[in-house]
C-alpha atoms as a PDB file:
ATOM      1  CA  MET A   1     -14.386  57.138 -44.369  1.00  0.00           C
ATOM      2  CA  ASP A   2     -11.036  55.434 -43.701  1.00  0.00           C
ATOM      3  CA  ARG A   3      -9.061  55.486 -46.947  1.00  0.00           C
ATOM      4  CA  LYS A   4      -6.276  53.365 -45.372  1.00  0.00           C
ATOM      5  CA  ASP A   5      -3.802  56.182 -46.056  1.00  0.00           C
ATOM      6  CA  GLY A   6      -2.828  56.675 -42.399  1.00  0.00           C
ATOM      7  CA  ARG A   7      -4.809  59.885 -41.980  1.00  0.00           C
ATOM      8  CA  THR A   8      -7.545  58.263 -39.885  1.00  0.00           C
ATOM      9  CA  LYS A   9      -7.030  57.898 -36.159  1.00  0.00           C
ATOM     10  CA  TYR A  10      -9.400  55.846 -33.984  1.00  0.00           C
ATOM     11  CA  VAL A  11     -10.153  57.042 -30.449  1.00  0.00           C
ATOM     12  CA  LEU A  12     -11.922  55.131 -27.668  1.00  0.00           C
ATOM     13  CA  ARG A  13     -13.736  56.771 -24.730  1.00  0.00           C
ATOM     14  CA  GLY A  14     -15.930  55.464 -21.928  1.00  0.00           C
ATOM     15  CA  GLU A  15     -15.823  53.016 -19.036  1.00  0.00           C
ATOM     16  CA  GLY A  16     -12.524  51.154 -19.028  1.00  0.00           C
ATOM     17  CA  ALA A  17     -11.167  52.880 -22.152  1.00  0.00           C
ATOM     18  CA  GLY A  18      -7.379  52.932 -22.056  1.00  0.00           C
ATOM     19  CA  SER A  19      -7.184  50.480 -19.156  1.00  0.00           C
ATOM     20  CA  VAL A  20      -9.544  47.525 -19.633  1.00  0.00           C
ATOM     21  CA  PHE A  21     -10.113  48.185 -23.346  1.00  0.00           C
ATOM     22  CA  VAL A  22      -7.648  49.650 -25.832  1.00  0.00           C
ATOM     23  CA  ILE A  23      -8.124  50.582 -29.453  1.00  0.00           C
ATOM     24  CA  ASP A  24      -5.554  50.281 -32.210  1.00  0.00           C
ATOM     25  CA  GLU A  25      -5.555  53.886 -33.387  1.00  0.00           C
ATOM     26  CA  LYS A  26      -4.611  52.847 -36.953  1.00  0.00           C
ATOM     27  CA  THR A  27      -7.087  49.981 -37.526  1.00  0.00           C
ATOM     28  CA  GLY A  28      -9.892  50.651 -35.033  1.00  0.00           C
ATOM     29  CA  ASN A  29      -9.636  47.135 -33.590  1.00  0.00           C
ATOM     30  CA  ILE A  30     -10.652  47.054 -29.925  1.00  0.00           C
ATOM     31  CA  HIS A  31      -8.885  44.659 -27.547  1.00  0.00           C
ATOM     32  CA  VAL A  32      -9.440  43.692 -23.914  1.00  0.00           C
ATOM     33  CA  THR A  33      -6.327  43.935 -21.731  1.00  0.00           C
ATOM     34  CA  LYS A  34      -7.287  41.682 -18.828  1.00  0.00           C
ATOM     35  CA  PRO A  35      -9.819  38.977 -17.925  1.00  0.00           C
ATOM     36  CA  LEU A  36     -13.282  40.354 -17.164  1.00  0.00           C
ATOM     37  CA  ASP A  37     -15.340  39.231 -14.171  1.00  0.00           C
ATOM     38  CA  ARG A  38     -19.114  39.714 -14.196  1.00  0.00           C
ATOM     39  CA  GLU A  39     -19.247  39.878 -10.409  1.00  0.00           C
ATOM     40  CA  GLU A  40     -16.808  42.811 -10.534  1.00  0.00           C
ATOM     41  CA  LYS A  41     -18.526  44.703 -13.405  1.00  0.00           C
ATOM     42  CA  ASP A  42     -21.206  43.291 -15.688  1.00  0.00           C
ATOM     43  CA  GLU A  43     -21.388  45.987 -18.356  1.00  0.00           C
ATOM     44  CA  TYR A  44     -19.160  48.551 -20.055  1.00  0.00           C
ATOM     45  CA  ARG A  45     -20.247  51.447 -22.288  1.00  0.00           C
ATOM     46  CA  LEU A  46     -17.721  52.634 -24.859  1.00  0.00           C
ATOM     47  CA  ILE A  47     -17.659  55.188 -27.680  1.00  0.00           C
ATOM     48  CA  ALA A  48     -15.336  54.818 -30.680  1.00  0.00           C
ATOM     49  CA  THR A  49     -14.658  57.718 -33.032  1.00  0.00           C
ATOM     50  CA  ALA A  50     -12.777  57.880 -36.337  1.00  0.00           C
ATOM     51  CA  THR A  51     -10.981  61.234 -36.530  1.00  0.00           C
ATOM     52  CA  ASP A  52      -8.718  63.006 -38.976  1.00  0.00           C
ATOM     53  CA  ARG A  53      -5.208  62.596 -37.567  1.00  0.00           C
ATOM     54  CA  GLN A  54      -4.182  66.158 -38.457  1.00  0.00           C
ATOM     55  CA  THR A  55      -7.288  68.135 -37.524  1.00  0.00           C
ATOM     56  CA  GLU A  56      -8.657  65.824 -34.765  1.00  0.00           C
ATOM     57  CA  ARG A  57     -12.138  66.327 -36.266  1.00  0.00           C
ATOM     58  CA  ALA A  58     -14.556  63.397 -36.408  1.00  0.00           C
ATOM     59  CA  LEU A  59     -14.865  61.869 -39.875  1.00  0.00           C
ATOM     60  CA  GLU A  60     -18.254  60.294 -39.125  1.00  0.00           C
ATOM     61  CA  PRO A  61     -20.632  59.938 -36.160  1.00  0.00           C
ATOM     62  CA  SER A  62     -19.193  58.046 -33.196  1.00  0.00           C
ATOM     63  CA  SER A  63     -20.168  54.409 -32.599  1.00  0.00           C
ATOM     64  CA  GLN A  64     -21.483  53.419 -29.195  1.00  0.00           C
ATOM     65  CA  PHE A  65     -20.834  49.952 -27.800  1.00  0.00           C
ATOM     66  CA  ILE A  66     -22.310  48.161 -24.825  1.00  0.00           C
ATOM     67  CA  ILE A  67     -20.194  45.227 -23.743  1.00  0.00           C
ATOM     68  CA  ARG A  68     -22.057  42.799 -21.480  1.00  0.00           C
ATOM     69  CA  VAL A  69     -19.875  40.352 -19.600  1.00  0.00           C
ATOM     70  CA  GLN A  70     -21.297  36.834 -19.588  1.00  0.00           C
ATOM     71  CA  ASP A  71     -20.988  34.803 -16.446  1.00  0.00           C
ATOM     72  CA  ILE A  72     -19.082  31.588 -15.905  1.00  0.00           C
ATOM     73  CA  ASN A  73     -19.340  29.248 -12.958  1.00  0.00           C
ATOM     74  CA  ASP A  74     -16.437  30.781 -11.052  1.00  0.00           C
ATOM     75  CA  ASN A  75     -17.952  31.132  -7.574  1.00  0.00           C
ATOM     76  CA  PRO A  76     -18.534  28.259  -5.172  1.00  0.00           C
ATOM     77  CA  PRO A  77     -21.795  28.101  -3.238  1.00  0.00           C
ATOM     78  CA  ILE A  78     -21.557  29.543   0.262  1.00  0.00           C
ATOM     79  CA  PHE A  79     -23.515  27.890   3.045  1.00  0.00           C
ATOM     80  CA  ASP A  80     -25.066  30.348   5.479  1.00  0.00           C
ATOM     81  CA  GLU A  81     -24.253  28.178   8.491  1.00  0.00           C
ATOM     82  CA  GLY A  82     -22.397  24.965   8.923  1.00  0.00           C
ATOM     83  CA  PRO A  83     -21.065  22.483   9.012  1.00  0.00           C
ATOM     84  CA  TYR A  84     -24.453  20.844   9.184  1.00  0.00           C
ATOM     85  CA  SER A  85     -25.244  17.757  11.182  1.00  0.00           C
ATOM     86  CA  ALA A  86     -28.596  16.006  11.545  1.00  0.00           C
ATOM     87  CA  THR A  87     -30.014  12.876  13.095  1.00  0.00           C
ATOM     88  CA  VAL A  88     -32.936  10.865  11.722  1.00  0.00           C
ATOM     89  CA  PRO A  89     -35.242   9.623  14.473  1.00  0.00           C
ATOM     90  CA  GLU A  90     -35.673   5.859  14.515  1.00  0.00           C
ATOM     91  CA  MET A  91     -38.943   4.781  12.843  1.00  0.00           C
ATOM     92  CA  ALA A  92     -39.500   8.273  11.425  1.00  0.00           C
ATOM     93  CA  ASN A  93     -42.476   8.534   9.086  1.00  0.00           C
ATOM     94  CA  ILE A  94     -41.863   8.808   5.344  1.00  0.00           C
ATOM     95  CA  GLY A  95     -41.625  12.474   4.439  1.00  0.00           C
ATOM     96  CA  THR A  96     -40.280  13.566   7.806  1.00  0.00           C
ATOM     97  CA  SER A  97     -38.182  16.713   7.457  1.00  0.00           C
ATOM     98  CA  ILE A  98     -34.701  16.087   8.810  1.00  0.00           C
ATOM     99  CA  ILE A  99     -32.710  19.271   8.148  1.00  0.00           C
ATOM    100  CA  GLN A 100     -32.905  22.409   6.061  1.00  0.00           C
ATOM    101  CA  VAL A 101     -29.728  23.847   4.571  1.00  0.00           C
ATOM    102  CA  THR A 102     -29.297  27.082   2.660  1.00  0.00           C
ATOM    103  CA  ALA A 103     -26.557  28.188   0.300  1.00  0.00           C
ATOM    104  CA  THR A 104     -26.060  31.155  -2.009  1.00  0.00           C
ATOM    105  CA  ASP A 105     -23.977  31.579  -5.148  1.00  0.00           C
ATOM    106  CA  ALA A 106     -22.634  34.891  -6.481  1.00  0.00           C
ATOM    107  CA  ASP A 107     -22.852  33.728 -10.108  1.00  0.00           C
ATOM    108  CA  ASP A 108     -25.564  35.139 -12.381  1.00  0.00           C
ATOM    109  CA  PRO A 109     -28.791  33.131 -11.889  1.00  0.00           C
ATOM    110  CA  THR A 110     -30.200  34.357 -15.224  1.00  0.00           C
ATOM    111  CA  TYR A 111     -27.356  33.001 -17.365  1.00  0.00           C
ATOM    112  CA  GLY A 112     -26.972  29.258 -17.870  1.00  0.00           C
ATOM    113  CA  ASN A 113     -26.630  27.032 -14.822  1.00  0.00           C
ATOM    114  CA  SER A 114     -23.774  28.937 -13.180  1.00  0.00           C
ATOM    115  CA  ALA A 115     -25.768  29.784 -10.042  1.00  0.00           C
ATOM    116  CA  ARG A 116     -27.982  26.693  -9.959  1.00  0.00           C
ATOM    117  CA  LEU A 117     -27.639  24.921  -6.646  1.00  0.00           C
ATOM    118  CA  VAL A 118     -28.381  21.195  -6.422  1.00  0.00           C
ATOM    119  CA  TYR A 119     -28.198  19.377  -3.118  1.00  0.00           C
ATOM    120  CA  THR A 120     -27.410  15.669  -3.029  1.00  0.00           C
ATOM    121  CA  LEU A 121     -26.557  13.058  -0.431  1.00  0.00           C
ATOM    122  CA  VAL A 122     -22.980  11.906  -0.837  1.00  0.00           C
ATOM    123  CA  GLN A 123     -23.125   9.156   1.763  1.00  0.00           C
ATOM    124  CA  GLY A 124     -25.991   6.971   2.905  1.00  0.00           C
ATOM    125  CA  GLN A 125     -28.162   7.304  -0.232  1.00  0.00           C
ATOM    126  CA  GLN A 126     -29.233   3.675   0.060  1.00  0.00           C
ATOM    127  CA  TYR A 127     -31.234   4.538   3.185  1.00  0.00           C
ATOM    128  CA  PHE A 128     -33.476   7.048   1.411  1.00  0.00           C
ATOM    129  CA  SER A 129     -36.031   6.204  -1.261  1.00  0.00           C
ATOM    130  CA  GLN A 130     -35.659   9.493  -3.128  1.00  0.00           C
ATOM    131  CA  LEU A 131     -34.204  12.916  -2.816  1.00  0.00           C
ATOM    132  CA  THR A 132     -36.808  15.258  -4.223  1.00  0.00           C
ATOM    133  CA  LYS A 133     -35.852  18.697  -3.042  1.00  0.00           C
ATOM    134  CA  ARG A 134     -33.812  20.631  -5.615  1.00  0.00           C
ATOM    135  CA  MET A 135     -33.310  24.303  -4.977  1.00  0.00           C
ATOM    136  CA  GLN A 136     -32.376  27.209  -7.209  1.00  0.00           C
ATOM    137  CA  GLN A 137     -31.163  30.538  -5.974  1.00  0.00           C
END
């Protein structure tokens, strides 16, 4: 309905409208004003309407938008306790459990590998035949 004659005005309503998201009232282009963080808010619901600038009446049905914020690996894993220290008994049988550690990650476990936790030995690997335990949150 926009004839590009300046009579159409675009209006944005909903979560974050006017603060997180702004609309160019002449073109209808929507812009984000600040970085988004999925851990802060993972979804925004917005409604954009094209109105007649003089009468303020809608020129067509409003458009609804759902903006889903994708996660990035921006949170370090947090260990529940620690620092950890363990001792391996001399002549321990193969498969002997030495220590159990637990960590959590605030990143989204359903998107990519952002929240995937992998534990590795950083020193002394030559003394172990294999490290088989890999954990995911």
